[in-house]
Amino acid sequence: MATVETETHGQILVIRMNRPERLNALNHEMRCELADTWSMFRESAELEVAIFTGTGRGFCAGEDMKESLEDGAPGGRRPAQADPFMDGTLEKPVIAAINGFAMGGGFMLVEGTDLRVAVEDAVFEVSEAKRWLLGGYNHGHIANLPYTVAMEMALGYRFTAQRFYEIGFLNKVVAADDLLPTALQMAEHLLTLPPASRVNTVHMMRQMRPSIAPNMERLADALHKHGAKSDRMESRAAFAEKRKPNFIGWDDPEDRYRLPTLDTV
């Protein structure tokens, strides 16, 4: 069974992640198939708009932590081939049709899309605070959300589709039966625009999104290393084994009080 399925509707390509038994968690095979599919879409002279969705109860649960445990390293193996959706070289618009859970890396896939429609019972979570040594500090900032909401996201709280619609992260919330028809209607509107206008407008809007200042990125890099790195794998093991994690926190307890700062990185 292919981990990524596609179907075409004229100039519209529907890309569907297809590991429903794992809530479409991103294993290495799926990452490679997605990279190939996005490259095909980018290079196609016929296809102009993509709809990105999943099979079953999940849009995407993010990193396949069982595979990470087998590999002995967190984060998942990346494909050798280029992925224009992930590296930002895809010029064509992408609509997310979020059919369920969008967690961790799955949330980041949603974040990379241009328009977003979700089912009413979709659930969102920025999971980095649970799996790494620094939470997802950048996601709320990129989405232009208030500090308190960005903090809530960074600390791994869950959000409903309705909440995300109310704060402007989603364009529409619909019943499950209306998800793909609504996404197709949105795609059909894009196809009524002059091609250059569509591509240029999407490109311009993407350039206007907030970014993280270089000094903040340096601080984040330092904080990602500040703590017991073994806790990263312990969080994944505890999740896979359905038990409470046994975290260390810091190899040296005094490091709690020696946080990196903007002046020291």
Protein backbone atom coordinates (compact mmCIF):
# COMPACT_ATOMS: atom_id res chain seq x y z
CA MET A 1 0.00 0.00 0.00
CA ALA A 2 1.40 3.40 -0.99
CA THR A 3 1.95 5.77 1.91
CA VAL A 4 0.97 8.69 -0.34
CA GLU A 5 -1.98 8.62 -2.74
CA THR A 6 -2.91 11.21 -5.35
CA GLU A 7 -5.90 12.05 -7.49
CA THR A 8 -6.41 14.79 -10.04
CA HIS A 9 -9.39 17.07 -10.63
CA GLY A 10 -8.46 18.94 -13.78
CA GLN A 11 -5.60 21.24 -12.77
CA ILE A 12 -5.96 20.35 -9.08
CA LEU A 13 -3.85 17.64 -7.43
CA VAL A 14 -5.10 16.03 -4.21
CA ILE A 15 -2.20 14.64 -2.15
CA ARG A 16 -3.32 12.25 0.57
CA MET A 17 -1.08 10.83 3.29
CA ASN A 18 -2.04 7.20 3.70
CA ARG A 19 -0.95 5.51 6.92
CA PRO A 20 -4.29 5.64 8.72
CA GLU A 21 -3.32 2.92 11.20
CA ARG A 22 -0.59 5.31 12.50
CA LEU A 23 -2.57 8.54 12.10
CA ASN A 24 -0.36 9.20 9.06
CA ALA A 25 2.82 9.51 11.14
CA LEU A 26 5.83 10.53 9.06
CA ASN A 27 8.10 7.54 8.60
CA HIS A 28 11.04 7.60 6.18
CA GLU A 29 9.05 5.94 3.40
CA MET A 30 6.29 8.53 3.57
CA ARG A 31 8.77 11.42 3.66
CA CYS A 32 10.39 10.09 0.48
CA GLU A 33 7.07 9.59 -1.29
CA LEU A 34 5.94 13.08 -0.32
CA ALA A 35 9.19 14.56 -1.64
CA ASP A 36 8.69 12.78 -4.98
CA THR A 37 5.04 13.85 -5.16
CA TRP A 38 5.74 17.50 -4.41
CA SER A 39 8.54 17.51 -7.01
CA MET A 40 6.18 16.03 -9.60
CA PHE A 41 3.57 18.68 -8.76
CA ARG A 42 6.09 21.50 -9.01
CA GLU A 43 7.38 20.35 -12.38
CA SER A 44 3.96 19.60 -13.91
CA ALA A 45 2.78 21.90 -16.68
CA GLU A 46 -0.84 20.83 -16.12
CA LEU A 47 -1.27 20.93 -12.34
CA GLU A 48 -1.61 24.35 -10.69
CA VAL A 49 -3.10 23.92 -7.19
CA ALA A 50 -2.58 21.20 -4.57
CA ILE A 51 -4.89 20.03 -1.80
CA PHE A 52 -3.02 18.33 1.05
CA THR A 53 -4.97 15.93 3.27
CA GLY A 54 -4.84 12.59 5.08
CA THR A 55 -6.66 9.28 5.27
CA GLY A 56 -8.66 8.26 8.33
CA ARG A 57 -8.84 10.06 11.69
CA GLY A 58 -5.57 11.91 11.34
CA PHE A 59 -4.17 14.54 9.03
CA CYS A 60 -0.69 13.72 10.32
CA ALA A 61 0.56 12.76 13.79
CA GLY A 62 4.08 14.00 13.03
CA GLU A 63 7.27 12.05 13.63
CA ASP A 64 6.97 8.25 13.63
CA MET A 65 8.44 7.78 17.09
CA LYS A 66 8.59 4.01 16.84
CA GLU A 67 10.84 4.37 13.81
CA SER A 68 12.95 6.94 15.67
CA LEU A 69 13.41 4.49 18.53
CA GLU A 70 14.45 1.78 16.08
CA ASP A 71 16.92 4.22 14.48
CA GLY A 72 18.20 5.35 17.87
CA ALA A 73 17.89 9.04 17.00
CA PRO A 74 15.10 11.62 17.35
CA GLY A 75 13.48 13.57 14.55
CA GLY A 76 13.17 10.99 11.79
CA ARG A 77 15.34 10.37 8.75
CA ARG A 78 14.97 12.92 5.96
CA PRO A 79 14.82 11.88 2.29
CA ALA A 80 17.88 12.23 0.11
CA GLN A 81 15.84 13.85 -2.65
CA ALA A 82 14.71 17.47 -2.57
CA ASP A 83 11.23 18.27 -1.24
CA PRO A 84 10.03 21.61 -2.68
CA PHE A 85 7.16 21.86 -0.18
CA MET A 86 9.51 21.54 2.78
CA ASP A 87 12.39 23.64 1.42
CA GLY A 88 10.21 26.54 0.27
CA THR A 89 10.89 26.30 -3.47
CA LEU A 90 7.32 25.36 -4.41
CA GLU A 91 5.77 28.29 -6.27
CA LYS A 92 2.24 26.88 -6.55
CA PRO A 93 -0.48 27.35 -3.89
CA VAL A 94 -1.31 24.57 -1.44
CA ILE A 95 -4.60 24.18 0.44
CA ALA A 96 -4.66 22.08 3.62
CA ALA A 97 -7.77 19.93 4.07
CA ILE A 98 -7.28 18.90 7.68
CA ASN A 99 -9.30 15.76 8.34
CA GLY A 100 -8.26 15.11 11.95
CA PHE A 101 -5.25 15.21 14.27
CA ALA A 102 -2.42 17.54 13.19
CA MET A 103 0.32 17.09 15.76
CA GLY A 104 4.02 17.96 15.91
CA GLY A 105 5.45 17.61 12.43
CA GLY A 106 1.88 17.29 11.16
CA PHE A 107 1.13 20.75 12.52
CA MET A 108 4.20 22.03 10.71
CA LEU A 109 2.84 20.61 7.44
CA VAL A 110 -0.34 22.63 7.99
CA GLU A 111 1.78 25.66 8.78
CA GLY A 112 3.46 25.38 5.37
CA THR A 113 0.19 25.69 3.45
CA ASP A 114 -1.42 28.85 2.10
CA LEU A 115 -5.12 28.25 2.81
CA ARG A 116 -6.61 25.92 5.43
CA VAL A 117 -9.95 24.21 5.94
CA ALA A 118 -10.49 21.74 8.79
CA VAL A 119 -13.17 19.39 10.01
CA GLU A 120 -14.98 20.37 13.18
CA ASP A 121 -13.29 17.76 15.36
CA ALA A 122 -9.71 18.37 14.14
CA VAL A 123 -7.15 18.73 16.94
CA PHE A 124 -3.86 20.66 16.69
CA GLU A 125 -0.73 20.49 18.80
CA VAL A 126 2.78 21.93 18.57
CA SER A 127 4.57 19.01 20.21
CA GLU A 128 8.19 20.14 20.35
CA ALA A 129 8.13 20.96 24.07
CA LYS A 130 7.23 17.30 24.72
CA ARG A 131 9.96 15.79 22.53
CA TRP A 132 12.93 18.18 22.52
CA LEU A 133 14.72 20.54 24.91
CA LEU A 134 12.98 23.64 23.52
CA GLY A 135 9.33 24.09 22.66
CA GLY A 136 8.00 25.45 19.37
CA TYR A 137 8.81 29.08 20.13
CA ASN A 138 8.49 30.24 16.53
CA HIS A 139 5.08 28.96 15.43
CA GLY A 140 2.87 31.53 17.12
CA HIS A 141 5.22 34.32 16.05
CA ILE A 142 5.11 33.23 12.40
CA ALA A 143 1.30 33.07 12.62
CA ASN A 144 1.12 36.64 13.99
CA LEU A 145 -0.61 35.48 17.17
CA PRO A 146 -0.58 37.28 20.55
CA TYR A 147 2.14 36.41 23.06
CA THR A 148 -0.13 34.41 25.36
CA VAL A 149 -1.47 32.28 22.51
CA ALA A 150 2.03 31.78 21.10
CA MET A 151 3.16 30.71 24.60
CA GLU A 152 0.26 28.25 24.82
CA MET A 153 1.27 26.76 21.48
CA ALA A 154 4.96 26.58 22.42
CA LEU A 155 4.19 24.72 25.64
CA GLY A 156 2.33 21.95 23.83
CA TYR A 157 -1.29 22.71 24.67
CA ARG A 158 -3.89 21.36 22.26
CA PHE A 159 -6.18 23.53 20.17
CA THR A 160 -9.56 22.75 18.63
CA ALA A 161 -10.38 23.66 15.05
CA GLN A 162 -12.92 26.22 16.27
CA ARG A 163 -10.34 27.92 18.48
CA PHE A 164 -7.85 28.09 15.63
CA TYR A 165 -10.54 29.48 13.32
CA GLU A 166 -11.41 32.18 15.86
CA ILE A 167 -7.78 33.34 16.16
CA GLY A 168 -7.27 33.34 12.39
CA PHE A 169 -5.11 30.25 11.85
CA LEU A 170 -7.80 28.51 9.75
CA ASN A 171 -9.90 29.88 6.89
CA LYS A 172 -12.88 27.56 7.35
CA VAL A 173 -14.24 24.85 9.66
CA VAL A 174 -16.69 22.43 8.06
CA ALA A 175 -18.45 19.10 8.58
CA ALA A 176 -16.40 16.05 7.57
CA ASP A 177 -18.49 15.39 4.45
CA ASP A 178 -17.86 18.94 3.27
CA LEU A 179 -14.08 18.93 3.72
CA LEU A 180 -12.87 17.93 0.25
CA PRO A 181 -15.73 19.69 -1.62
CA THR A 182 -14.90 22.92 0.23
CA ALA A 183 -11.18 22.58 -0.51
CA LEU A 184 -11.98 21.93 -4.18
CA GLN A 185 -14.16 25.05 -4.30
CA MET A 186 -11.31 27.09 -2.86
CA ALA A 187 -8.93 25.61 -5.44
CA GLU A 188 -11.36 26.33 -8.28
CA HIS A 189 -11.44 29.99 -7.23
CA LEU A 190 -7.64 30.14 -7.47
CA LEU A 191 -7.85 28.78 -11.01
CA THR A 192 -10.06 31.71 -12.07
CA LEU A 193 -7.17 34.10 -11.43
CA PRO A 194 -4.61 35.00 -14.11
CA PRO A 195 -1.78 32.46 -13.66
CA ALA A 196 0.89 35.08 -13.06
CA SER A 197 -1.32 36.89 -10.55
CA ARG A 198 -1.96 33.67 -8.64
CA VAL A 199 1.72 32.70 -8.45
CA ASN A 200 2.99 36.22 -7.79
CA THR A 201 0.42 36.91 -5.06
CA VAL A 202 1.16 33.66 -3.23
CA HIS A 203 4.89 34.39 -3.47
CA MET A 204 4.44 37.95 -2.15
CA MET A 205 2.25 36.86 0.75
CA ARG A 206 4.75 34.19 1.76
CA GLN A 207 7.58 36.75 1.80
CA MET A 208 5.57 38.97 4.15
CA ARG A 209 5.22 36.34 6.87
CA PRO A 210 7.16 37.17 10.06
CA SER A 211 10.54 35.53 10.50
CA ILE A 212 12.79 34.85 13.46
CA ALA A 213 15.72 37.26 13.89
CA PRO A 214 19.19 35.67 13.51
CA ASN A 215 20.15 36.41 17.13
CA MET A 216 17.00 34.65 18.32
CA GLU A 217 17.80 31.65 16.12
CA ARG A 218 21.26 31.47 17.72
CA LEU A 219 19.68 31.53 21.16
CA ALA A 220 17.24 28.81 20.15
CA ASP A 221 20.11 26.65 18.85
CA ALA A 222 21.86 26.99 22.21
CA LEU A 223 18.70 26.18 24.17
CA HIS A 224 18.10 23.08 22.05
CA LYS A 225 21.38 21.74 23.52
CA HIS A 226 20.86 23.01 27.07
CA GLY A 227 19.70 20.02 29.09
CA ALA A 228 19.89 16.26 29.29
CA LYS A 229 19.79 15.12 25.68
CA SER A 230 18.77 11.64 26.82
CA ASP A 231 15.36 13.10 27.73
CA ARG A 232 14.59 13.44 24.02
CA MET A 233 14.65 9.68 23.46
CA GLU A 234 13.06 9.00 26.86
CA SER A 235 10.02 11.04 25.80
CA ARG A 236 9.67 8.93 22.67
CA ALA A 237 10.17 5.65 24.52
CA ALA A 238 7.56 6.60 27.12
CA PHE A 239 5.09 7.51 24.39
CA ALA A 240 5.65 4.23 22.53
CA GLU A 241 5.42 2.20 25.76
CA LYS A 242 2.41 4.17 27.05
CA ARG A 243 4.04 5.04 30.39
CA LYS A 244 5.07 8.12 32.35
CA PRO A 245 8.51 9.40 31.25
CA ASN A 246 11.46 9.43 33.64
CA PHE A 247 13.14 12.72 32.78
CA ILE A 248 16.53 13.87 34.10
CA GLY A 249 16.24 17.55 33.18
CA TRP A 250 19.91 18.53 33.31
CA ASP A 251 23.06 16.39 33.48
CA ASP A 252 24.38 19.07 35.83
CA PRO A 253 21.53 20.40 38.03
CA GLU A 254 23.24 23.80 38.20
CA ASP A 255 22.61 24.24 34.45
CA ARG A 256 19.04 25.15 35.37
CA TYR A 257 20.47 28.47 36.54
CA ARG A 258 22.96 28.91 33.69
CA LEU A 259 20.60 29.56 30.80
CA PRO A 260 22.10 30.85 27.54
CA THR A 261 21.21 34.47 26.82
CA LEU A 262 21.30 36.78 23.82
CA ASP A 263 24.52 38.23 25.23
CA THR A 264 26.29 34.87 25.51
CA VAL A 265 25.43 33.17 22.20
